[in-house]
PDB file of N, CA and C in Angstrom:
ATOM      1  N   UNK A   1      35.952 149.104   9.538  1.00  0.00           N
ATOM      2  CA  UNK A   1      35.711 148.496   8.574  1.00  0.00           C
ATOM      3  C   UNK A   1      35.713 149.268   7.101  1.00  0.00           C
ATOM      4  N   UNK A   2      36.495 148.645   6.176  1.00  0.00           N
ATOM      5  CA  UNK A   2      36.865 149.241   5.144  1.00  0.00           C
ATOM      6  C   UNK A   2      35.605 149.345   4.188  1.00  0.00           C
ATOM      7  N   UNK A   3      35.677 150.639   3.012  1.00  0.00           N
ATOM      8  CA  UNK A   3      34.442 150.849   2.120  1.00  0.00           C
ATOM      9  C   UNK A   3      33.951 149.683   1.515  1.00  0.00           C
ATOM     10  N   UNK A   4      35.086 148.648   0.716  1.00  0.00           N
ATOM     11  CA  UNK A   4      34.902 147.628  -0.039  1.00  0.00           C
ATOM     12  C   UNK A   4      33.922 146.497   0.849  1.00  0.00           C
ATOM     13  N   UNK A   5      34.319 146.552   2.250  1.00  0.00           N
ATOM     14  CA  UNK A   5      33.647 145.511   3.079  1.00  0.00           C
ATOM     15  C   UNK A   5      32.167 145.818   3.397  1.00  0.00           C
ATOM     16  N   UNK A   6      31.986 147.233   3.565  1.00  0.00           N
ATOM     17  CA  UNK A   6      30.856 147.749   3.527  1.00  0.00           C
ATOM     18  C   UNK A   6      29.869 147.676   2.769  1.00  0.00           C
ATOM     19  N   UNK A   7      30.520 147.685   1.285  1.00  0.00           N
ATOM     20  CA  UNK A   7      29.820 147.709   0.191  1.00  0.00           C
ATOM     21  C   UNK A   7      29.177 146.432  -0.147  1.00  0.00           C
ATOM     22  N   UNK A   8      30.295 145.417   0.087  1.00  0.00           N
ATOM     23  CA  UNK A   8      29.799 143.829  -0.038  1.00  0.00           C
ATOM     24  C   UNK A   8      28.639 143.544   0.718  1.00  0.00           C
ATOM     25  N   UNK A   9      28.651 144.108   2.373  1.00  0.00           N
ATOM     26  CA  UNK A   9      27.907 143.869   3.389  1.00  0.00           C
ATOM     27  C   UNK A   9      26.510 144.467   2.921  1.00  0.00           C
ATOM     28  N   UNK A  10      26.254 145.655   2.513  1.00  0.00           N
ATOM     29  CA  UNK A  10      25.212 146.181   1.917  1.00  0.00           C
ATOM     30  C   UNK A  10      24.552 145.421   0.693  1.00  0.00           C
ATOM     31  N   UNK A  11      25.352 145.127  -0.099  1.00  0.00           N
ATOM     32  CA  UNK A  11      24.951 144.747  -1.619  1.00  0.00           C
ATOM     33  C   UNK A  11      24.199 143.168  -1.094  1.00  0.00           C
ATOM     34  N   UNK A  12      25.168 142.568  -0.103  1.00  0.00           N
ATOM     35  CA  UNK A  12      24.328 141.139   0.109  1.00  0.00           C
ATOM     36  C   UNK A  12      23.159 141.291   1.090  1.00  0.00           C
ATOM     37  N   UNK A  13      23.179 142.208   1.756  1.00  0.00           N
ATOM     38  CA  UNK A  13      21.644 142.471   2.505  1.00  0.00           C
ATOM     39  C   UNK A  13      20.684 142.838   1.569  1.00  0.00           C
ATOM     40  N   UNK A  14      20.810 143.417   0.498  1.00  0.00           N
ATOM     41  CA  UNK A  14      19.923 143.987  -0.662  1.00  0.00           C
ATOM     42  C   UNK A  14      19.713 142.921  -1.593  1.00  0.00           C
ATOM     43  N   UNK A  15      20.746 141.970  -1.784  1.00  0.00           N
ATOM     44  CA  UNK A  15      20.636 140.856  -2.701  1.00  0.00           C
ATOM     45  C   UNK A  15      19.447 139.821  -2.042  1.00  0.00           C
ATOM     46  N   UNK A  16      20.141 139.336  -0.498  1.00  0.00           N
ATOM     47  CA  UNK A  16      19.218 138.546   0.074  1.00  0.00           C
ATOM     48  C   UNK A  16      17.863 138.831   0.331  1.00  0.00           C
ATOM     49  N   UNK A  17      17.253 139.856   0.536  1.00  0.00           N
ATOM     50  CA  UNK A  17      16.002 140.664   0.836  1.00  0.00           C
ATOM     51  C   UNK A  17      15.322 140.521  -0.529  1.00  0.00           C
ATOM     52  N   UNK A  18      16.010 140.919  -1.435  1.00  0.00           N
ATOM     53  CA  UNK A  18      15.135 140.665  -2.749  1.00  0.00           C
ATOM     54  C   UNK A  18      15.104 139.552  -3.102  1.00  0.00           C
ATOM     55  N   UNK A  19      16.040 138.535  -3.237  1.00  0.00           N
ATOM     56  CA  UNK A  19      15.736 137.072  -3.449  1.00  0.00           C
ATOM     57  C   UNK A  19      14.329 136.423  -2.492  1.00  0.00           C
ATOM     58  N   UNK A  20      14.624 136.838  -1.422  1.00  0.00           N
ATOM     59  CA  UNK A  20      13.344 136.348  -0.307  1.00  0.00           C
ATOM     60  C   UNK A  20      12.122 137.085  -0.593  1.00  0.00           C
ATOM     61  N   UNK A  21      12.266 138.090  -0.719  1.00  0.00           N
ATOM     62  CA  UNK A  21      10.740 138.850  -1.262  1.00  0.00           C
ATOM     63  C   UNK A  21      10.337 138.478  -2.894  1.00  0.00           C
ATOM     64  N   UNK A  22      11.156 137.943  -3.615  1.00  0.00           N
ATOM     65  CA  UNK A  22      10.929 137.591  -4.941  1.00  0.00           C
ATOM     66  C   UNK A  22      10.453 136.106  -5.343  1.00  0.00           C
ATOM     67  N   UNK A  23      10.686 135.595  -4.270  1.00  0.00           N
ATOM     68  CA  UNK A  23      10.768 133.965  -4.433  1.00  0.00           C
ATOM     69  C   UNK A  23       9.342 133.283  -4.468  1.00  0.00           C
ATOM     70  N   UNK A  24       9.121 132.403  -5.226  1.00  0.00           N
ATOM     71  CA  UNK A  24       7.837 131.462  -5.020  1.00  0.00           C
ATOM     72  C   UNK A  24       8.128 129.892  -4.681  1.00  0.00           C
ATOM     73  N   UNK A  25       9.374 129.798  -4.622  1.00  0.00           N
ATOM     74  CA  UNK A  25       9.854 128.549  -4.102  1.00  0.00           C
ATOM     75  C   UNK A  25      10.568 128.477  -2.785  1.00  0.00           C
ATOM     76  N   UNK A  26      10.220 127.301  -2.032  1.00  0.00           N
ATOM     77  CA  UNK A  26      10.829 127.682  -0.403  1.00  0.00           C
ATOM     78  C   UNK A  26      12.152 127.554  -0.378  1.00  0.00           C
ATOM     79  N   UNK A  27      12.872 126.782  -1.434  1.00  0.00           N
ATOM     80  CA  UNK A  27      14.433 127.074  -1.295  1.00  0.00           C
ATOM     81  C   UNK A  27      14.793 128.186  -1.677  1.00  0.00           C
ATOM     82  N   UNK A  28      14.315 128.956  -2.403  1.00  0.00           N
ATOM     83  CA  UNK A  28      15.262 130.125  -2.737  1.00  0.00           C
ATOM     84  C   UNK A  28      15.050 131.432  -1.990  1.00  0.00           C
ATOM     85  N   UNK A  29      13.617 131.217  -0.980  1.00  0.00           N
ATOM     86  CA  UNK A  29      13.132 131.953   0.060  1.00  0.00           C
ATOM     87  C   UNK A  29      14.144 131.676   1.039  1.00  0.00           C
ATOM     88  N   UNK A  30      14.883 130.447   1.126  1.00  0.00           N
ATOM     89  CA  UNK A  30      15.847 129.958   2.297  1.00  0.00           C
ATOM     90  C   UNK A  30      17.043 130.216   1.865  1.00  0.00           C
ATOM     91  N   UNK A  31      17.420 130.431   0.614  1.00  0.00           N
ATOM     92  CA  UNK A  31      18.679 130.883   0.299  1.00  0.00           C
ATOM     93  C   UNK A  31      18.737 132.716   0.622  1.00  0.00           C
ATOM     94  N   UNK A  32      17.602 133.454   0.447  1.00  0.00           N
ATOM     95  CA  UNK A  32      17.533 134.826   0.561  1.00  0.00           C
ATOM     96  C   UNK A  32      17.874 135.208   2.183  1.00  0.00           C
ATOM     97  N   UNK A  33      17.526 134.168   2.874  1.00  0.00           N
ATOM     98  CA  UNK A  33      17.543 134.665   4.376  1.00  0.00           C
ATOM     99  C   UNK A  33      18.738 134.191   4.801  1.00  0.00           C
ATOM    100  N   UNK A  34      19.319 133.184   4.357  1.00  0.00           N
ATOM    101  CA  UNK A  34      20.672 132.504   4.544  1.00  0.00           C
ATOM    102  C   UNK A  34      21.735 134.036   4.244  1.00  0.00           C
ATOM    103  N   UNK A  35      21.743 134.380   2.913  1.00  0.00           N
ATOM    104  CA  UNK A  35      22.602 135.571   2.767  1.00  0.00           C
ATOM    105  C   UNK A  35      22.220 136.525   3.539  1.00  0.00           C
ATOM    106  N   UNK A  36      20.914 136.867   3.933  1.00  0.00           N
ATOM    107  CA  UNK A  36      20.882 138.019   5.026  1.00  0.00           C
ATOM    108  C   UNK A  36      21.458 137.529   6.301  1.00  0.00           C
ATOM    109  N   UNK A  37      21.540 136.491   6.975  1.00  0.00           N
ATOM    110  CA  UNK A  37      22.276 136.016   8.025  1.00  0.00           C
ATOM    111  C   UNK A  37      23.626 136.381   7.946  1.00  0.00           C
ATOM    112  N   UNK A  38      24.115 135.493   6.681  1.00  0.00           N
ATOM    113  CA  UNK A  38      25.710 135.757   6.625  1.00  0.00           C
ATOM    114  C   UNK A  38      26.411 137.284   6.411  1.00  0.00           C
ATOM    115  N   UNK A  39      25.436 137.999   6.038  1.00  0.00           N
ATOM    116  CA  UNK A  39      25.782 139.627   5.778  1.00  0.00           C
ATOM    117  C   UNK A  39      25.767 140.387   6.927  1.00  0.00           C
ATOM    118  N   UNK A  40      25.029 139.820   8.012  1.00  0.00           N
ATOM    119  CA  UNK A  40      24.873 140.588   9.202  1.00  0.00           C
ATOM    120  C   UNK A  40      25.842 139.846  10.212  1.00  0.00           C
ATOM    121  N   UNK A  41      26.395 139.059  10.081  1.00  0.00           N
ATOM    122  CA  UNK A  41      27.431 138.553  11.042  1.00  0.00           C
ATOM    123  C   UNK A  41      28.667 139.266  10.922  1.00  0.00           C
ATOM    124  N   UNK A  42      29.273 139.732  10.121  1.00  0.00           N
ATOM    125  CA  UNK A  42      30.576 140.357  10.256  1.00  0.00           C
ATOM    126  C   UNK A  42      30.364 141.915  10.862  1.00  0.00           C
ATOM    127  N   UNK A  43      29.058 142.452  10.696  1.00  0.00           N
ATOM    128  CA  UNK A  43      28.414 143.410  11.384  1.00  0.00           C
ATOM    129  C   UNK A  43      28.466 143.532  13.093  1.00  0.00           C
ATOM    130  N   UNK A  44      27.863 142.249  13.418  1.00  0.00           N
ATOM    131  CA  UNK A  44      27.673 142.067  14.677  1.00  0.00           C
ATOM    132  C   UNK A  44      29.187 141.705  15.461  1.00  0.00           C
ATOM    133  N   UNK A  45      30.264 140.925  14.614  1.00  0.00           N
ATOM    134  CA  UNK A  45      31.261 140.902  15.143  1.00  0.00           C
ATOM    135  C   UNK A  45      32.464 141.781  14.673  1.00  0.00           C
ATOM    136  N   UNK A  46      31.839 143.106  14.493  1.00  0.00           N
ATOM    137  CA  UNK A  46      33.138 144.087  13.976  1.00  0.00           C
ATOM    138  C   UNK A  46      34.064 144.564  15.002  1.00  0.00           C
ATOM    139  N   UNK A  47      33.620 144.810  16.054  1.00  0.00           N
ATOM    140  CA  UNK A  47      34.685 144.792  17.255  1.00  0.00           C
ATOM    141  C   UNK A  47      35.349 143.605  17.685  1.00  0.00           C
ATOM    142  N   UNK A  48      36.582 143.445  18.052  1.00  0.00           N
ATOM    143  CA  UNK A  48      37.200 142.116  18.133  1.00  0.00           C
ATOM    144  C   UNK A  48      36.949 142.171  19.670  1.00  0.00           C
ATOM    145  N   UNK A  49      35.892 141.855  20.283  1.00  0.00           N
ATOM    146  CA  UNK A  49      35.636 141.718  21.786  1.00  0.00           C
ATOM    147  C   UNK A  49      34.872 140.441  22.062  1.00  0.00           C
ATOM    148  N   UNK A  50      35.427 139.662  22.993  1.00  0.00           N
ATOM    149  CA  UNK A  50      35.109 138.369  23.329  1.00  0.00           C
ATOM    150  C   UNK A  50      33.445 138.311  23.232  1.00  0.00           C
ATOM    151  N   UNK A  51      32.758 139.598  23.927  1.00  0.00           N
ATOM    152  CA  UNK A  51      31.393 139.534  23.834  1.00  0.00           C
ATOM    153  C   UNK A  51      30.655 139.687  22.637  1.00  0.00           C
ATOM    154  N   UNK A  52      31.336 140.217  21.601  1.00  0.00           N
ATOM    155  CA  UNK A  52      30.883 140.541  20.028  1.00  0.00           C
ATOM    156  C   UNK A  52      31.120 139.250  19.182  1.00  0.00           C
ATOM    157  N   UNK A  53      32.097 138.456  19.715  1.00  0.00           N
ATOM    158  CA  UNK A  53      32.102 137.287  18.895  1.00  0.00           C
ATOM    159  C   UNK A  53      31.305 136.118  19.822  1.00  0.00           C
ATOM    160  N   UNK A  54      31.143 136.231  21.057  1.00  0.00           N
ATOM    161  CA  UNK A  54      29.848 135.594  21.591  1.00  0.00           C
ATOM    162  C   UNK A  54      28.692 135.789  20.915  1.00  0.00           C
ATOM    163  N   UNK A  55      28.244 136.958  20.942  1.00  0.00           N
ATOM    164  CA  UNK A  55      26.967 137.452  20.318  1.00  0.00           C
ATOM    165  C   UNK A  55      26.823 136.876  18.927  1.00  0.00           C
ATOM    166  N   UNK A  56      27.597 136.888  18.297  1.00  0.00           N
ATOM    167  CA  UNK A  56      27.725 136.587  16.591  1.00  0.00           C
ATOM    168  C   UNK A  56      27.422 135.186  16.639  1.00  0.00           C
ATOM    169  N   UNK A  57      28.202 134.275  17.375  1.00  0.00           N
ATOM    170  CA  UNK A  57      27.973 133.048  17.341  1.00  0.00           C
ATOM    171  C   UNK A  57      26.569 132.368  18.131  1.00  0.00           C
ATOM    172  N   UNK A  58      26.195 133.345  19.028  1.00  0.00           N
ATOM    173  CA  UNK A  58      24.571 132.948  19.291  1.00  0.00           C
ATOM    174  C   UNK A  58      23.708 133.443  18.505  1.00  0.00           C
ATOM    175  N   UNK A  59      23.997 134.412  17.732  1.00  0.00           N
ATOM    176  CA  UNK A  59      23.045 134.737  16.548  1.00  0.00           C
ATOM    177  C   UNK A  59      23.356 133.951  15.528  1.00  0.00           C
ATOM    178  N   UNK A  60      24.263 133.348  14.985  1.00  0.00           N
ATOM    179  CA  UNK A  60      24.244 132.382  14.183  1.00  0.00           C
ATOM    180  C   UNK A  60      23.714 130.956  14.205  1.00  0.00           C
ATOM    181  N   UNK A  61      23.751 130.433  15.420  1.00  0.00           N
ATOM    182  CA  UNK A  61      23.123 129.243  15.860  1.00  0.00           C
ATOM    183  C   UNK A  61      21.573 129.344  16.010  1.00  0.00           C
ATOM    184  N   UNK A  62      21.337 130.351  16.438  1.00  0.00           N
ATOM    185  CA  UNK A  62      19.785 130.773  16.329  1.00  0.00           C
ATOM    186  C   UNK A  62      19.395 130.774  14.963  1.00  0.00           C
ATOM    187  N   UNK A  63      19.994 131.393  14.029  1.00  0.00           N
ATOM    188  CA  UNK A  63      19.510 131.487  12.690  1.00  0.00           C
ATOM    189  C   UNK A  63      19.518 130.439  12.098  1.00  0.00           C
ATOM    190  N   UNK A  64      20.522 129.315  12.368  1.00  0.00           N
ATOM    191  CA  UNK A  64      20.738 128.333  11.679  1.00  0.00           C
ATOM    192  C   UNK A  64      19.670 127.410  12.190  1.00  0.00           C
ATOM    193  N   UNK A  65      19.326 127.431  13.333  1.00  0.00           N
ATOM    194  CA  UNK A  65      17.976 126.775  13.960  1.00  0.00           C
ATOM    195  C   UNK A  65      16.714 126.679  13.324  1.00  0.00           C
ATOM    196  N   UNK A  66      16.600 128.213  13.294  1.00  0.00           N
ATOM    197  CA  UNK A  66      15.461 128.872  12.627  1.00  0.00           C
ATOM    198  C   UNK A  66      15.396 128.160  11.065  1.00  0.00           C
ATOM    199  N   UNK A  67      16.385 128.494  10.330  1.00  0.00           N
ATOM    200  CA  UNK A  67      16.368 127.907   8.975  1.00  0.00           C
ATOM    201  C   UNK A  67      16.201 126.463   8.943  1.00  0.00           C
ATOM    202  N   UNK A  68      16.802 125.699   9.716  1.00  0.00           N
ATOM    203  CA  UNK A  68      16.346 124.293   9.740  1.00  0.00           C
ATOM    204  C   UNK A  68      15.070 123.963   9.886  1.00  0.00           C
ATOM    205  N   UNK A  69      14.236 124.613  10.795  1.00  0.00           N
ATOM    206  CA  UNK A  69      12.880 124.284  11.027  1.00  0.00           C
ATOM    207  C   UNK A  69      11.844 125.016   9.854  1.00  0.00           C
ATOM    208  N   UNK A  70      12.676 126.120   9.140  1.00  0.00           N
ATOM    209  CA  UNK A  70      11.640 126.342   7.858  1.00  0.00           C
ATOM    210  C   UNK A  70      11.804 125.489   6.860  1.00  0.00           C
ATOM    211  N   UNK A  71      13.080 124.873   6.675  1.00  0.00           N
ATOM    212  CA  UNK A  71      13.106 123.781   5.717  1.00  0.00           C
ATOM    213  C   UNK A  71      12.454 122.590   5.884  1.00  0.00           C
ATOM    214  N   UNK A  72      12.306 122.231   7.249  1.00  0.00           N
ATOM    215  CA  UNK A  72      11.511 121.204   7.874  1.00  0.00           C
ATOM    216  C   UNK A  72      10.016 121.469   7.488  1.00  0.00           C
ATOM    217  N   UNK A  73       9.760 122.627   7.853  1.00  0.00           N
ATOM    218  CA  UNK A  73       8.221 123.067   7.311  1.00  0.00           C
ATOM    219  C   UNK A  73       7.936 122.913   6.029  1.00  0.00           C
ATOM    220  N   UNK A  74       8.789 123.446   5.008  1.00  0.00           N
ATOM    221  CA  UNK A  74       8.872 123.282   3.815  1.00  0.00           C
ATOM    222  C   UNK A  74       8.579 121.717   3.044  1.00  0.00           C
ATOM    223  N   UNK A  75       9.366 120.962   3.781  1.00  0.00           N
ATOM    224  CA  UNK A  75       9.616 119.519   3.420  1.00  0.00           C
ATOM    225  C   UNK A  75       8.526 119.010   3.987  1.00  0.00           C
ATOM    226  N   UNK A  76       7.542 119.273   5.173  1.00  0.00           N
ATOM    227  CA  UNK A  76       6.820 118.258   5.648  1.00  0.00           C
ATOM    228  C   UNK A  76       5.373 119.181   4.612  1.00  0.00           C
ATOM    229  N   UNK A  77       5.295 119.997   4.181  1.00  0.00           N
ATOM    230  CA  UNK A  77       4.039 120.512   3.497  1.00  0.00           C
ATOM    231  C   UNK A  77       4.451 119.847   2.156  1.00  0.00           C
ATOM    232  N   UNK A  78       5.593 119.811   1.392  1.00  0.00           N
ATOM    233  CA  UNK A  78       5.582 119.179   0.368  1.00  0.00           C
ATOM    234  C   UNK A  78       5.216 117.558   0.492  1.00  0.00           C
ATOM    235  N   UNK A  79       5.520 117.036   1.688  1.00  0.00           N
ATOM    236  CA  UNK A  79       5.443 115.827   1.861  1.00  0.00           C
ATOM    237  C   UNK A  79       3.578 115.425   1.733  1.00  0.00           C
ATOM    238  N   UNK A  80       3.014 116.436   2.570  1.00  0.00           N
ATOM    239  CA  UNK A  80       1.675 116.280   2.761  1.00  0.00           C
ATOM    240  C   UNK A  80       0.618 116.223   1.339  1.00  0.00           C
ATOM    241  N   UNK A  81       0.990 117.530   0.948  1.00  0.00           N
ATOM    242  CA  UNK A  81       0.406 118.086  -0.259  1.00  0.00           C
ATOM    243  C   UNK A  81       0.989 118.036  -1.571  1.00  0.00           C
ATOM    244  N   UNK A  82       2.125 117.674  -1.697  1.00  0.00           N
ATOM    245  CA  UNK A  82       3.155 117.290  -2.993  1.00  0.00           C
ATOM    246  C   UNK A  82       3.318 118.858  -3.781  1.00  0.00           C
ATOM    247  N   UNK A  83       3.316 119.956  -3.052  1.00  0.00           N
ATOM    248  CA  UNK A  83       3.881 121.281  -3.483  1.00  0.00           C
ATOM    249  C   UNK A  83       4.727 121.906  -2.889  1.00  0.00           C
ATOM    250  N   UNK A  84       5.679 122.309  -3.695  1.00  0.00           N
ATOM    251  CA  UNK A  84       6.964 122.901  -2.924  1.00  0.00           C
ATOM    252  C   UNK A  84       6.509 124.353  -3.289  1.00  0.00           C
ATOM    253  N   UNK A  85       5.597 124.992  -3.945  1.00  0.00           N
ATOM    254  CA  UNK A  85       5.220 126.480  -3.713  1.00  0.00           C
ATOM    255  C   UNK A  85       4.732 127.251  -2.691  1.00  0.00           C
ATOM    256  N   UNK A  86       5.334 128.489  -2.293  1.00  0.00           N
ATOM    257  CA  UNK A  86       5.003 128.988  -1.281  1.00  0.00           C
ATOM    258  C   UNK A  86       3.731 129.310  -0.939  1.00  0.00           C
ATOM    259  N   UNK A  87       2.882 129.659  -1.999  1.00  0.00           N
ATOM    260  CA  UNK A  87       1.518 130.074  -1.927  1.00  0.00           C
ATOM    261  C   UNK A  87       0.491 128.843  -1.530  1.00  0.00           C
ATOM    262  N   UNK A  88       1.214 127.576  -1.636  1.00  0.00           N
ATOM    263  CA  UNK A  88       0.401 126.147  -1.293  1.00  0.00           C
ATOM    264  C   UNK A  88       0.619 125.614  -0.086  1.00  0.00           C
ATOM    265  N   UNK A  89       0.680 126.642   0.906  1.00  0.00           N
ATOM    266  CA  UNK A  89       0.866 125.845   2.552  1.00  0.00           C
ATOM    267  C   UNK A  89      -0.250 125.626   2.925  1.00  0.00           C
ATOM    268  N   UNK A  90      -0.845 124.184   2.990  1.00  0.00           N
ATOM    269  CA  UNK A  90      -2.183 123.837   3.370  1.00  0.00           C
ATOM    270  C   UNK A  90      -2.234 123.265   4.391  1.00  0.00           C
ATOM    271  N   UNK A  91      -1.145 122.299   4.813  1.00  0.00           N
ATOM    272  CA  UNK A  91      -1.109 121.369   5.912  1.00  0.00           C
ATOM    273  C   UNK A  91      -0.859 122.451   7.498  1.00  0.00           C
ATOM    274  N   UNK A  92      -1.626 122.026   8.511  1.00  0.00           N
ATOM    275  CA  UNK A  92      -1.747 123.007   9.485  1.00  0.00           C
ATOM    276  C   UNK A  92      -0.061 122.950  10.257  1.00  0.00           C
ATOM    277  N   UNK A  93       0.319 121.552  10.288  1.00  0.00           N
ATOM    278  CA  UNK A  93       1.598 121.391  11.053  1.00  0.00           C
ATOM    279  C   UNK A  93       2.823 122.198  10.374  1.00  0.00           C
ATOM    280  N   UNK A  94       2.459 122.258   9.184  1.00  0.00           N
ATOM    281  CA  UNK A  94       3.503 122.962   8.361  1.00  0.00           C
ATOM    282  C   UNK A  94       3.355 124.233   8.866  1.00  0.00           C
ATOM    283  N   UNK A  95       1.900 124.850   8.627  1.00  0.00           N
ATOM    284  CA  UNK A  95       1.774 126.404   9.004  1.00  0.00           C
ATOM    285  C   UNK A  95       2.234 126.829  10.239  1.00  0.00           C
ATOM    286  N   UNK A  96       2.079 125.752  11.417  1.00  0.00           N
ATOM    287  CA  UNK A  96       2.571 126.022  12.597  1.00  0.00           C
ATOM    288  C   UNK A  96       4.320 126.055  12.696  1.00  0.00           C
ATOM    289  N   UNK A  97       4.813 125.190  12.034  1.00  0.00           N
ATOM    290  CA  UNK A  97       6.190 125.230  11.918  1.00  0.00           C
ATOM    291  C   UNK A  97       6.827 126.348  11.306  1.00  0.00           C
ATOM    292  N   UNK A  98       6.054 127.104  10.179  1.00  0.00           N
ATOM    293  CA  UNK A  98       6.672 128.160   9.432  1.00  0.00           C
ATOM    294  C   UNK A  98       6.380 129.320  10.267  1.00  0.00           C
ATOM    295  N   UNK A  99       5.495 129.497  10.954  1.00  0.00           N
ATOM    296  CA  UNK A  99       5.314 130.657  12.177  1.00  0.00           C
ATOM    297  C   UNK A  99       6.052 130.584  13.017  1.00  0.00           C
ATOM    298  N   UNK A 100       6.550 129.660  13.402  1.00  0.00           N
ATOM    299  CA  UNK A 100       7.560 129.466  14.508  1.00  0.00           C
ATOM    300  C   UNK A 100       8.896 129.640  14.003  1.00  0.00           C
ATOM    301  N   UNK A 101       9.420 129.632  12.710  1.00  0.00           N
ATOM    302  CA  UNK A 101      10.768 129.579  12.223  1.00  0.00           C
ATOM    303  C   UNK A 101      10.630 130.913  12.001  1.00  0.00           C
ATOM    304  N   UNK A 102       9.744 131.715  11.241  1.00  0.00           N
ATOM    305  CA  UNK A 102       9.582 133.147  11.117  1.00  0.00           C
ATOM    306  C   UNK A 102       9.757 133.806  12.452  1.00  0.00           C
ATOM    307  N   UNK A 103       9.031 133.623  13.075  1.00  0.00           N
ATOM    308  CA  UNK A 103       9.004 134.454  14.544  1.00  0.00           C
ATOM    309  C   UNK A 103      10.722 134.146  14.997  1.00  0.00           C
ATOM    310  N   UNK A 104      11.126 132.978  15.151  1.00  0.00           N
ATOM    311  CA  UNK A 104      12.544 132.794  15.415  1.00  0.00           C
ATOM    312  C   UNK A 104      13.575 134.080  14.864  1.00  0.00           C
ATOM    313  N   UNK A 105      13.314 134.027  13.240  1.00  0.00           N
ATOM    314  CA  UNK A 105      14.348 134.534  12.750  1.00  0.00           C
ATOM    315  C   UNK A 105      13.814 136.000  12.766  1.00  0.00           C
ATOM    316  N   UNK A 106      12.741 136.516  12.841  1.00  0.00           N
ATOM    317  CA  UNK A 106      12.304 137.760  13.465  1.00  0.00           C
ATOM    318  C   UNK A 106      12.575 138.387  14.594  1.00  0.00           C
ATOM    319  N   UNK A 107      12.979 137.528  15.606  1.00  0.00           N
ATOM    320  CA  UNK A 107      13.198 137.717  17.208  1.00  0.00           C
ATOM    321  C   UNK A 107      12.039 138.422  17.843  1.00  0.00           C
ATOM    322  N   UNK A 108      10.922 137.660  17.441  1.00  0.00           N
ATOM    323  CA  UNK A 108       9.429 138.004  18.141  1.00  0.00           C
ATOM    324  C   UNK A 108       9.382 137.286  19.513  1.00  0.00           C
ATOM    325  N   UNK A 109       8.573 138.110  20.558  1.00  0.00           N
ATOM    326  CA  UNK A 109       8.422 137.283  21.891  1.00  0.00           C
ATOM    327  C   UNK A 109       7.772 135.942  21.634  1.00  0.00           C
ATOM    328  N   UNK A 110       8.199 134.671  22.262  1.00  0.00           N
ATOM    329  CA  UNK A 110       9.193 134.616  23.107  1.00  0.00           C
ATOM    330  C   UNK A 110      10.643 134.134  22.888  1.00  0.00           C
ATOM    331  N   UNK A 111      10.968 134.616  21.653  1.00  0.00           N
ATOM    332  CA  UNK A 111      11.698 133.870  20.916  1.00  0.00           C
ATOM    333  C   UNK A 111      13.341 135.024  20.963  1.00  0.00           C
ATOM    334  N   UNK A 112      12.839 136.150  21.499  1.00  0.00           N
ATOM    335  CA  UNK A 112      13.791 136.980  21.554  1.00  0.00           C
ATOM    336  C   UNK A 112      14.817 136.939  22.771  1.00  0.00           C
TER     337      UNK A 112
END
């Protein structure tokens, strides 16, 4: 991987992480997580081996499903409480969906 690609990948990882940490809105947190996902994909598929391509495809599909679940959790919370703010997660179903989505994104057991 050339130095420019490494720089862009590292910058994207830092940008996505800082956006996710500093966001107060669900959509901005989702954007930061997606930037991180897209920054990691080239690192996974760096070697042009069929298993690396398969691993990156599986990683992308799993992360996309978790992101969809995260957005559904925020939409459910907004529907029941009228708030899109991260700190106002009050509905139990939204809390359960968010916990599941974050667990999938982190790769916690049993989602590893």
